[in-house]
């Protein structure tokens, strides 16, 4: 049954992407993309018999903000899209653009690809995120940069802190647990089950005049995500 679910989910995503791509090329609306992405995410959870539980802070904010979430699995993205009703732009690894059809849609979308191996490209990604925030959207990052293969939260990259400093927007810690069992890291197997997403309180970024303050704030945000995970 789990193998069948996996086949259905992959096939549905591929077929839906094929149908959506020409339509999106014509419409090219951020609102249309986001509404469709949320619908796809909810369908993935439904088809996979994934039971989502959301705890804590309101999932819709009165003004743009920055969400930071730990990373456990490929299935994190549909789970956060299905759970957070805010208009979010996800920052994702640029390698995903190489996926046929699905990756092409991502490349055209308002979501933001990040190439951390290229300093100029990484700066351009932050610039794009700041612009999205100015236009009224929120941004979601996975500050670990990759998914953790253990229960530990990996050290955070500085991107979220830089984005907070440049935009002046509040940061919302998010903890996700259970996706590592749905789609284990570095595999494409699929198992139905429960996923919990815990939303933390808004954090106002402090003045960050230098790298020392950046590192302190980065560790503070990581600690808040870890604390949320401990409550799940």
Protein backbone atom coordinates (compact mmCIF):
# COMPACT_ATOMS: atom_id res chain seq x y z
CA UNK A 1 0.00 0.00 0.00
CA UNK A 2 2.81 2.44 0.85
CA UNK A 3 4.55 1.74 -2.44
CA UNK A 4 1.27 2.29 -4.29
CA UNK A 5 0.73 5.60 -2.48
CA UNK A 6 4.21 6.71 -3.48
CA UNK A 7 3.54 5.88 -7.13
CA UNK A 8 0.20 7.73 -7.04
CA UNK A 9 1.78 10.82 -5.46
CA UNK A 10 4.70 10.98 -7.93
CA UNK A 11 2.40 10.34 -10.91
CA UNK A 12 -0.14 12.92 -9.75
CA UNK A 13 2.59 15.53 -9.25
CA UNK A 14 4.06 14.87 -12.70
CA UNK A 15 0.70 14.94 -14.52
CA UNK A 16 -0.46 18.03 -12.61
CA UNK A 17 2.84 19.77 -13.45
CA UNK A 18 2.42 18.94 -17.15
CA UNK A 19 -1.07 20.43 -17.13
CA UNK A 20 -0.12 23.44 -15.04
CA UNK A 21 3.07 24.51 -16.86
CA UNK A 22 1.53 25.84 -20.11
CA UNK A 23 -1.28 27.48 -18.16
CA UNK A 24 1.14 29.22 -15.83
CA UNK A 25 3.33 30.39 -18.72
CA UNK A 26 0.27 32.22 -20.05
CA UNK A 27 -1.15 33.53 -16.76
CA UNK A 28 2.10 34.22 -14.83
CA UNK A 29 0.28 35.38 -11.70
CA UNK A 30 1.91 34.98 -8.28
CA UNK A 31 -1.50 34.63 -6.63
CA UNK A 32 -2.49 31.92 -9.11
CA UNK A 33 0.76 30.04 -8.55
CA UNK A 34 0.47 30.16 -4.77
CA UNK A 35 -3.19 29.09 -4.73
CA UNK A 36 -2.36 26.17 -7.03
CA UNK A 37 0.71 25.23 -4.98
CA UNK A 38 -1.38 25.10 -1.78
CA UNK A 39 -3.99 22.97 -3.55
CA UNK A 40 -1.26 20.58 -4.73
CA UNK A 41 0.17 20.40 -1.19
CA UNK A 42 -3.21 19.56 0.33
CA UNK A 43 -3.81 16.90 -2.33
CA UNK A 44 -0.39 15.35 -1.59
CA UNK A 45 -1.24 15.09 2.11
CA UNK A 46 -4.69 13.69 1.35
CA UNK A 47 -3.45 11.13 -1.17
CA UNK A 48 -0.66 10.09 1.18
CA UNK A 49 -2.97 9.79 4.18
CA UNK A 50 -0.78 12.27 6.04
CA UNK A 51 -2.50 13.61 9.15
CA UNK A 52 -1.41 17.19 9.84
CA UNK A 53 -1.58 18.79 13.27
CA UNK A 54 -0.79 22.50 13.66
CA UNK A 55 0.05 24.00 17.04
CA UNK A 56 0.75 27.45 18.38
CA UNK A 57 0.94 30.81 16.64
CA UNK A 58 -1.57 31.94 14.03
CA UNK A 59 -0.64 30.67 10.55
CA UNK A 60 -1.70 33.95 8.94
CA UNK A 61 0.14 37.14 9.88
CA UNK A 62 -1.15 40.73 9.54
CA UNK A 63 2.01 41.77 7.69
CA UNK A 64 4.86 40.04 5.85
CA UNK A 65 7.26 38.08 8.04
CA UNK A 66 10.05 35.52 7.84
CA UNK A 67 9.33 31.90 8.72
CA UNK A 68 12.26 29.65 9.64
CA UNK A 69 11.74 25.89 9.80
CA UNK A 70 13.90 22.86 10.52
CA UNK A 71 14.32 20.48 7.60
CA UNK A 72 13.60 16.75 7.87
CA UNK A 73 12.46 15.51 4.47
CA UNK A 74 11.38 16.25 0.91
CA UNK A 75 7.84 16.19 2.26
CA UNK A 76 8.43 19.27 4.45
CA UNK A 77 7.46 21.58 1.58
CA UNK A 78 3.96 20.22 0.92
CA UNK A 79 3.32 20.07 4.67
CA UNK A 80 4.24 23.71 5.32
CA UNK A 81 2.37 24.85 2.21
CA UNK A 82 -0.74 22.99 3.34
CA UNK A 83 -0.48 24.36 6.89
CA UNK A 84 0.61 28.00 6.65
CA UNK A 85 -2.17 30.07 5.11
CA UNK A 86 0.03 33.15 4.83
CA UNK A 87 1.18 34.10 1.32
CA UNK A 88 4.67 32.63 1.48
CA UNK A 89 7.65 32.43 -0.85
CA UNK A 90 9.83 29.42 -0.12
CA UNK A 91 13.61 29.69 -0.54
CA UNK A 92 14.80 26.34 -1.92
CA UNK A 93 17.99 24.69 -3.20
CA UNK A 94 18.53 25.55 -6.86
CA UNK A 95 19.22 21.87 -7.62
CA UNK A 96 15.45 21.30 -7.58
CA UNK A 97 15.21 23.32 -10.80
CA UNK A 98 16.80 20.38 -12.60
CA UNK A 99 13.78 18.14 -12.01
CA UNK A 100 11.93 17.81 -15.35
CA UNK A 101 8.66 19.82 -15.53
CA UNK A 102 8.30 20.29 -11.73
CA UNK A 103 11.67 22.04 -11.55
CA UNK A 104 10.85 24.17 -14.58
CA UNK A 105 7.74 25.43 -12.81
CA UNK A 106 9.79 26.26 -9.71
CA UNK A 107 12.24 28.22 -11.86
CA UNK A 108 9.38 30.31 -13.28
CA UNK A 109 7.61 30.68 -9.95
CA UNK A 110 7.89 33.47 -7.33
CA UNK A 111 9.65 30.97 -5.04
CA UNK A 112 13.35 31.75 -4.66
CA UNK A 113 16.17 29.41 -5.69
CA UNK A 114 19.38 29.59 -3.64
CA UNK A 115 22.83 28.53 -4.79
CA UNK A 116 24.98 28.72 -1.66
CA UNK A 117 28.06 27.62 -3.59
CA UNK A 118 27.98 30.92 -5.48
CA UNK A 119 28.32 33.98 -3.23
CA UNK A 120 26.89 36.38 -5.82
CA UNK A 121 23.92 34.12 -6.44
CA UNK A 122 23.28 33.78 -2.70
CA UNK A 123 23.27 37.58 -2.33
CA UNK A 124 20.92 37.88 -5.31
CA UNK A 125 18.56 35.39 -3.60
CA UNK A 126 18.44 37.56 -0.48
CA UNK A 127 17.77 40.60 -2.69
CA UNK A 128 14.89 38.72 -4.33
CA UNK A 129 13.48 37.74 -0.93
CA UNK A 130 13.64 41.35 0.30
CA UNK A 131 11.79 42.45 -2.83
CA UNK A 132 9.08 39.83 -2.29
CA UNK A 133 8.61 41.08 1.26
CA UNK A 134 8.33 44.66 0.02
CA UNK A 135 5.60 43.48 -2.36
CA UNK A 136 3.62 42.03 0.55
CA UNK A 137 4.61 38.35 0.66
CA UNK A 138 6.21 36.44 3.52
CA UNK A 139 9.30 34.27 3.06
CA UNK A 140 10.01 30.79 4.43
CA UNK A 141 13.53 29.43 4.80
CA UNK A 142 15.06 26.15 5.93
CA UNK A 143 18.16 27.67 7.62
CA UNK A 144 19.95 24.33 8.02
CA UNK A 145 20.47 24.40 4.26
CA UNK A 146 19.72 20.69 3.89
CA UNK A 147 17.68 18.11 5.72
CA UNK A 148 19.00 16.51 8.86
CA UNK A 149 19.37 12.73 8.78
CA UNK A 150 19.04 12.59 12.57
CA UNK A 151 16.72 14.15 15.13
CA UNK A 152 19.28 16.92 15.67
CA UNK A 153 18.83 20.41 14.24
CA UNK A 154 21.87 21.28 12.14
CA UNK A 155 23.67 24.63 12.55
CA UNK A 156 21.79 27.49 10.88
CA UNK A 157 23.17 29.43 7.93
CA UNK A 158 23.11 33.20 8.25
CA UNK A 159 20.60 33.86 5.44
CA UNK A 160 17.54 34.21 7.67
CA UNK A 161 19.30 36.67 9.97
CA UNK A 162 20.57 38.76 7.04
CA UNK A 163 17.05 38.79 5.57
CA UNK A 164 15.59 39.87 8.91
CA UNK A 165 18.16 42.65 9.26
CA UNK A 166 17.60 43.94 5.73
CA UNK A 167 13.81 43.73 5.76
CA UNK A 168 13.20 44.69 9.39
CA UNK A 169 10.46 42.04 9.57
CA UNK A 170 9.69 39.73 12.45
CA UNK A 171 10.84 36.10 12.43
CA UNK A 172 8.54 33.18 13.26
CA UNK A 173 10.22 29.93 14.33
CA UNK A 174 8.53 26.78 12.99
CA UNK A 175 9.24 23.18 14.00
CA UNK A 176 8.18 20.21 11.89
CA UNK A 177 8.25 16.60 13.03
CA UNK A 178 7.12 13.38 11.38
CA UNK A 179 8.03 14.03 7.76
CA UNK A 180 11.26 12.07 8.22
CA UNK A 181 9.03 8.98 8.59
CA UNK A 182 6.76 9.89 5.67
CA UNK A 183 9.64 10.26 3.19
CA UNK A 184 12.94 9.37 4.90
CA UNK A 185 15.96 11.53 3.97
CA UNK A 186 17.83 10.48 0.81
CA UNK A 187 15.07 8.06 -0.18
CA UNK A 188 11.95 8.13 -2.32
CA UNK A 189 9.92 5.64 -0.30
CA UNK A 190 6.61 6.80 1.13
CA UNK A 191 4.77 5.89 4.34
CA UNK A 192 1.51 7.38 5.59
CA UNK A 193 1.48 8.82 9.09
CA UNK A 194 1.21 11.90 11.29
CA UNK A 195 3.07 15.21 10.95
CA UNK A 196 3.05 17.97 13.55
CA UNK A 197 3.92 21.58 12.83
CA UNK A 198 4.48 23.85 15.82
CA UNK A 199 4.48 27.63 15.32
CA UNK A 200 6.46 29.80 17.72
CA UNK A 201 5.96 33.36 18.85
CA UNK A 202 7.08 36.24 16.66
CA UNK A 203 10.68 37.34 17.25
CA UNK A 204 11.64 40.97 16.67
CA UNK A 205 15.16 41.13 15.20
CA UNK A 206 17.60 43.09 17.39
CA UNK A 207 20.16 45.55 16.01
CA UNK A 208 22.81 43.55 14.16
CA UNK A 209 25.81 45.85 13.63
CA UNK A 210 28.33 43.04 13.11
CA UNK A 211 29.01 39.33 12.66
CA UNK A 212 29.12 38.69 16.42
CA UNK A 213 25.54 39.93 16.84
CA UNK A 214 24.49 38.00 13.71
CA UNK A 215 25.89 34.76 15.14
CA UNK A 216 24.17 35.34 18.49
CA UNK A 217 20.80 35.97 16.84
CA UNK A 218 21.27 32.97 14.54
CA UNK A 219 21.87 30.72 17.56
CA UNK A 220 18.90 32.26 19.39
CA UNK A 221 16.61 31.38 16.48
CA UNK A 222 18.00 27.84 16.27
CA UNK A 223 17.39 27.42 20.03
CA UNK A 224 13.77 28.52 19.61
CA UNK A 225 13.19 25.91 16.89
CA UNK A 226 14.79 23.22 19.08
CA UNK A 227 12.56 24.24 22.00
CA UNK A 228 9.48 23.92 19.79
CA UNK A 229 10.57 20.44 18.70
CA UNK A 230 10.88 19.39 22.32
CA UNK A 231 7.20 20.20 22.87
CA UNK A 232 6.02 17.93 20.02
